[in-house]
Amino acid sequence: MDIKNSVALVTGGNRGIGEAFVRAFVAAGAAKVYVGARDVASAQHLVDEAGGKVVAIALDVTKPETITAAAAQCQDVTIVVNNAGQFGMQTLLKAPDLETARLEMEVNYFGPLGMSRAFAPILAKAPESAIVNVLSAGGIVAVPGMGGYSPSKFAARAMSTCLRAELAPENTNVVALIVGSVDTRMASHVEGFKETPATIAEAGLKAIKRKADEVDTDFMAIDVRANLARDPKGFELQMRRSLAGERVTTGR
C-alpha cells in the first residue's frame, strides 16, 4: 500500500507515538492527516508546522458521539491509526475499585473497536486501506503489574485478528503493532533503554506499506516474543517477580 497521497487519521495524535505517526505520514507524502485529540488546541503545533496538511479534530474514543462526528467529518480517510491509550498503573486486586480497569478497557479495546466500526464503510471506498492498532508487548505476555492494561491489549490483539478477517473482502488490512518500551509520558515509570516514538511510527508505516498482519516494532517487543517462545512458564514467573519490586519490562 502506498502512503503517498493517502489520508490518515491518528487517535491520540497530539503527542508521543501518535505525534510521531502524524509527522511520519506528512514526511511520507500523505495528502492529509487528521489528528484526533480530546483537546484540539493540544495539536495546534502540528497544524502550524504542516502547512495545511494536518487537521486537528475533537475526538475522545471513550465517547461514541465524538467517533460518530469524526466519521461524518472525515469521509476521505484511507488509513486509521488507533493509537490512543490508557495505563492506570494499578494492579487488578489492589486497585480501590474497578474504575481504572474499566477505563483501560474502554480506551484500549472499545475505543479502537468503535473507531473501526465507524470508519470501515469509509475505508471500504478506497482501493486500498488500513487500520493500524498500536498495541503492546503487554498484549502478548501477561504483566501482573500492569493491571487492566495488559488484559486490554490482549483483547485488542484478538480484536485485530477478528477485524482482519471481516475486512479482508473490503481490501482493508488490519495491522497489529506490538510495542515495547518507548520514551513517552505513559512509560515514564519504566527504567532502562526506551525507543523513540519515531522508531515506532517508522515501523508502523513500513507495516502498512507491506500489508503486514502483526509487527514487533522494537528491540524489547522482539525480545519479549523470543522469551515467550523459548520458555513461556519461566517468562510468566519473571513477570510475577515484577510485583515484588523488580522493574516492569514491557509497556509503552
Protein backbone atom coordinates (compact mmCIF):
# COMPACT_ATOMS: atom_id res chain seq x y z
CA MET A 1 0.00 0.00 0.00
CA ASP A 2 1.30 3.43 -0.94
CA ILE A 3 1.45 6.06 1.82
CA LYS A 4 1.87 8.91 -0.65
CA ASN A 5 -1.44 10.74 -1.22
CA SER A 6 -3.16 8.71 1.48
CA VAL A 7 -5.41 10.34 4.09
CA ALA A 8 -4.68 9.22 7.65
CA LEU A 9 -6.42 9.69 10.96
CA VAL A 10 -4.40 9.21 14.16
CA THR A 11 -6.14 8.98 17.53
CA GLY A 12 -4.19 10.46 20.42
CA GLY A 13 -2.14 12.19 17.75
CA ASN A 14 -1.17 15.26 19.73
CA ARG A 15 1.86 13.74 21.49
CA GLY A 16 4.08 10.68 21.89
CA ILE A 17 3.72 7.86 19.39
CA GLY A 18 0.66 9.49 17.85
CA GLU A 19 2.54 12.72 17.15
CA ALA A 20 5.37 10.69 15.61
CA PHE A 21 2.86 8.98 13.31
CA VAL A 22 1.49 12.34 12.20
CA ARG A 23 4.97 13.61 11.36
CA ALA A 24 5.85 10.36 9.59
CA PHE A 25 2.74 10.47 7.40
CA VAL A 26 3.45 14.07 6.40
CA ALA A 27 7.07 13.24 5.61
CA ALA A 28 5.96 10.25 3.52
CA GLY A 29 3.74 12.41 1.33
CA ALA A 30 0.28 11.82 2.79
CA ALA A 31 -2.27 14.22 1.32
CA LYS A 32 -3.84 14.92 4.71
CA VAL A 33 -3.53 13.79 8.31
CA TYR A 34 -6.34 14.19 10.83
CA VAL A 35 -5.10 14.48 14.40
CA GLY A 36 -7.65 13.18 16.88
CA ALA A 37 -7.31 14.74 20.33
CA ARG A 38 -9.60 15.40 23.27
CA ASP A 39 -8.29 18.97 23.32
CA VAL A 40 -7.91 20.30 19.78
CA ALA A 41 -5.61 23.07 20.97
CA SER A 42 -3.05 20.48 22.08
CA ALA A 43 -2.47 19.55 18.42
CA GLN A 44 -2.14 23.09 17.12
CA HIS A 45 1.66 22.85 16.90
CA LEU A 46 1.29 20.07 14.33
CA VAL A 47 -1.27 22.05 12.36
CA ASP A 48 1.05 25.06 12.29
CA GLU A 49 4.05 23.01 11.14
CA ALA A 50 2.42 21.07 8.32
CA GLY A 51 1.26 23.83 6.01
CA GLY A 52 -2.37 22.78 5.72
CA LYS A 53 -1.79 19.03 5.55
CA VAL A 54 -2.73 18.45 9.21
CA VAL A 55 -6.26 18.96 10.53
CA ALA A 56 -6.99 18.72 14.25
CA ILE A 57 -10.35 17.22 15.23
CA ALA A 58 -12.02 16.75 18.60
CA LEU A 59 -12.01 13.05 19.39
CA ASP A 60 -12.35 11.12 22.64
CA VAL A 61 -12.54 7.39 21.89
CA THR A 62 -14.48 6.76 25.11
CA LYS A 63 -17.31 8.94 23.78
CA PRO A 64 -19.14 7.31 20.85
CA GLU A 65 -20.69 10.60 19.78
CA THR A 66 -17.25 12.07 19.04
CA ILE A 67 -16.35 8.99 16.98
CA THR A 68 -19.57 9.39 15.01
CA ALA A 69 -18.84 13.08 14.46
CA ALA A 70 -15.29 12.31 13.33
CA ALA A 71 -16.53 9.76 10.80
CA ALA A 72 -19.04 12.26 9.44
CA GLN A 73 -16.31 14.90 9.08
CA CYS A 74 -13.52 12.69 7.74
CA GLN A 75 -15.09 10.93 4.79
CA ASP A 76 -11.83 10.78 2.83
CA VAL A 77 -9.80 8.68 5.31
CA THR A 78 -7.86 5.70 3.92
CA ILE A 79 -5.75 4.84 7.00
CA VAL A 80 -6.87 4.80 10.64
CA VAL A 81 -4.23 4.57 13.36
CA ASN A 82 -5.77 3.59 16.69
CA ASN A 83 -3.06 4.96 18.94
CA ALA A 84 -4.88 6.49 21.93
CA GLY A 85 -4.01 4.50 25.05
CA GLN A 86 -4.63 4.41 28.78
CA PHE A 87 -2.46 2.93 31.55
CA GLY A 88 -3.70 3.45 35.11
CA MET A 89 -0.69 1.98 36.96
CA GLN A 90 -2.93 -0.20 39.15
CA THR A 91 -2.93 -3.95 39.72
CA LEU A 92 -6.18 -5.86 39.37
CA LEU A 93 -6.74 -6.71 43.05
CA LYS A 94 -5.12 -3.80 44.88
CA ALA A 95 -6.91 -1.09 42.93
CA PRO A 96 -9.58 0.54 45.13
CA ASP A 97 -12.31 -0.33 42.62
CA LEU A 98 -12.84 -1.42 39.01
CA GLU A 99 -12.87 2.07 37.54
CA THR A 100 -9.24 2.04 36.37
CA ALA A 101 -9.57 -1.36 34.70
CA ARG A 102 -12.84 -0.29 33.07
CA LEU A 103 -11.23 2.87 31.68
CA GLU A 104 -8.25 0.91 30.33
CA MET A 105 -10.65 -1.43 28.53
CA GLU A 106 -12.72 1.49 27.25
CA VAL A 107 -9.73 3.29 25.75
CA ASN A 108 -7.57 0.35 24.69
CA TYR A 109 -10.24 -2.06 23.41
CA PHE A 110 -13.65 -0.50 22.93
CA GLY A 111 -12.14 2.74 21.56
CA PRO A 112 -10.33 1.04 18.65
CA LEU A 113 -13.34 -1.20 18.07
CA GLY A 114 -15.67 1.81 17.89
CA MET A 115 -13.29 3.59 15.54
CA SER A 116 -13.04 0.52 13.31
CA ARG A 117 -16.81 0.10 13.14
CA ALA A 118 -17.36 3.76 12.32
CA PHE A 119 -14.65 4.03 9.68
CA ALA A 120 -14.92 0.60 8.00
CA PRO A 121 -17.51 1.82 5.43
CA ILE A 122 -15.34 4.85 4.67
CA LEU A 123 -12.18 2.77 4.27
CA ALA A 124 -14.05 0.35 2.00
CA LYS A 125 -14.48 3.12 -0.60
CA ALA A 126 -10.71 3.22 -1.21
CA PRO A 127 -8.94 0.69 -3.46
CA GLU A 128 -6.54 0.01 -0.58
CA SER A 129 -6.93 0.96 3.07
CA ALA A 130 -5.64 0.05 6.50
CA ILE A 131 -6.37 0.07 10.22
CA VAL A 132 -3.33 0.16 12.50
CA ASN A 133 -3.81 -0.86 16.12
CA VAL A 134 -0.96 0.31 18.35
CA LEU A 135 -0.70 -2.48 20.92
CA SER A 136 1.94 -3.55 23.43
CA ALA A 137 4.30 -6.33 24.39
CA GLY A 138 1.97 -6.48 27.40
CA GLY A 139 -0.58 -7.84 24.94
CA ILE A 140 1.42 -10.97 24.15
CA VAL A 141 2.67 -11.71 27.68
CA ALA A 142 0.56 -11.07 30.76
CA VAL A 143 2.17 -8.48 33.04
CA PRO A 144 0.54 -8.61 36.52
CA GLY A 145 1.98 -5.24 37.48
CA MET A 146 0.16 -3.61 34.58
CA GLY A 147 -3.32 -4.39 35.93
CA GLY A 148 -6.10 -3.94 33.40
CA TYR A 149 -3.74 -2.54 30.74
CA SER A 150 -2.20 -5.88 29.83
CA PRO A 151 -5.58 -7.70 29.52
CA SER A 152 -6.97 -4.82 27.46
CA LYS A 153 -4.10 -5.16 24.99
CA PHE A 154 -4.64 -8.93 24.80
CA ALA A 155 -8.26 -8.19 23.92
CA ALA A 156 -7.24 -5.60 21.33
CA ARG A 157 -4.86 -8.06 19.72
CA ALA A 158 -7.62 -10.66 19.39
CA MET A 159 -9.92 -7.96 18.05
CA SER A 160 -7.32 -7.11 15.40
CA THR A 161 -7.35 -10.70 14.17
CA CYS A 162 -11.15 -10.80 14.05
CA LEU A 163 -11.38 -7.47 12.21
CA ARG A 164 -8.72 -8.58 9.75
CA ALA A 165 -10.94 -11.49 8.75
CA GLU A 166 -14.08 -9.36 8.48
CA LEU A 167 -12.42 -6.58 6.50
CA ALA A 168 -10.39 -8.73 4.11
CA PRO A 169 -13.16 -8.69 1.45
CA GLU A 170 -13.03 -4.88 1.51
CA ASN A 171 -9.25 -4.87 0.93
CA THR A 172 -8.77 -3.14 4.29
CA ASN A 173 -5.75 -4.59 6.07
CA VAL A 174 -5.55 -4.60 9.86
CA VAL A 175 -2.08 -4.24 11.34
CA ALA A 176 -1.29 -5.02 14.98
CA LEU A 177 1.83 -3.22 16.20
CA ILE A 178 3.49 -4.86 19.22
CA VAL A 179 5.32 -2.06 21.02
CA GLY A 180 7.90 -2.39 23.79
CA SER A 181 9.23 0.41 25.96
CA VAL A 182 9.05 3.84 24.33
CA ASP A 183 10.10 7.25 25.58
CA THR A 184 6.62 8.66 26.18
CA ARG A 185 4.73 10.03 29.15
CA MET A 186 2.92 6.72 29.54
CA ALA A 187 6.21 4.87 30.06
CA SER A 188 7.85 7.45 32.31
CA HIS A 189 7.90 4.88 35.15
CA VAL A 190 9.89 2.36 33.11
CA GLU A 191 13.64 2.23 33.68
CA GLY A 192 16.33 1.43 31.13
CA PHE A 193 16.55 1.95 27.40
CA LYS A 194 13.49 3.30 25.61
CA GLU A 195 12.89 3.57 21.90
CA THR A 196 11.95 6.90 20.36
CA PRO A 197 8.35 7.36 19.22
CA ALA A 198 9.71 7.97 15.72
CA THR A 199 11.06 4.40 15.66
CA ILE A 200 7.58 3.03 16.27
CA ALA A 201 5.99 5.25 13.65
CA GLU A 202 8.60 4.21 11.10
CA ALA A 203 7.87 0.55 11.80
CA GLY A 204 4.16 1.27 11.50
CA LEU A 205 4.45 2.89 8.09
CA LYS A 206 6.59 0.03 6.83
CA ALA A 207 3.95 -2.42 8.08
CA ILE A 208 1.22 -0.51 6.24
CA LYS A 209 3.22 -0.50 3.01
CA ARG A 210 3.77 -4.25 3.01
CA LYS A 211 0.29 -5.08 4.38
CA ALA A 212 1.69 -6.91 7.40
CA ASP A 213 -0.60 -8.56 9.93
CA GLU A 214 1.46 -8.17 13.11
CA VAL A 215 4.83 -6.49 13.64
CA ASP A 216 7.18 -6.26 16.62
CA THR A 217 8.29 -2.66 16.36
CA ASP A 218 11.41 -2.52 18.52
CA PHE A 219 14.06 -4.48 20.39
CA MET A 220 12.03 -5.00 23.56
CA ALA A 221 9.00 -6.31 21.68
CA ILE A 222 11.21 -8.74 19.76
CA ASP A 223 12.92 -9.82 22.99
CA VAL A 224 9.60 -10.40 24.76
CA ARG A 225 8.32 -12.59 21.95
CA ALA A 226 11.57 -14.56 21.89
CA ASN A 227 11.48 -15.15 25.66
CA LEU A 228 7.84 -16.17 25.46
CA ALA A 229 8.58 -18.70 22.73
CA ARG A 230 11.67 -20.07 24.46
CA ASP A 231 10.30 -20.54 27.98
CA PRO A 232 6.70 -19.39 28.47
CA LYS A 233 6.37 -20.59 32.07
CA GLY A 234 9.73 -19.15 33.04
CA PHE A 235 8.75 -15.84 31.48
CA GLU A 236 5.45 -15.90 33.37
CA LEU A 237 7.39 -16.29 36.61
CA GLN A 238 9.66 -13.41 35.63
CA MET A 239 6.61 -11.21 35.18
CA ARG A 240 5.31 -12.39 38.56
CA ARG A 241 8.53 -11.30 40.24
CA SER A 242 7.94 -7.78 38.95
CA LEU A 243 5.18 -7.49 41.56
CA ALA A 244 7.85 -7.84 44.27
CA GLY A 245 9.53 -4.64 43.18
CA GLU A 246 11.59 -5.60 40.16
CA ARG A 247 11.23 -3.26 37.24
CA VAL A 248 8.45 -3.75 34.73
CA THR A 249 9.97 -4.85 31.43
CA THR A 250 7.15 -4.12 28.98
CA GLY A 251 4.88 -1.23 28.20
CA ARG A 252 4.60 1.83 26.01
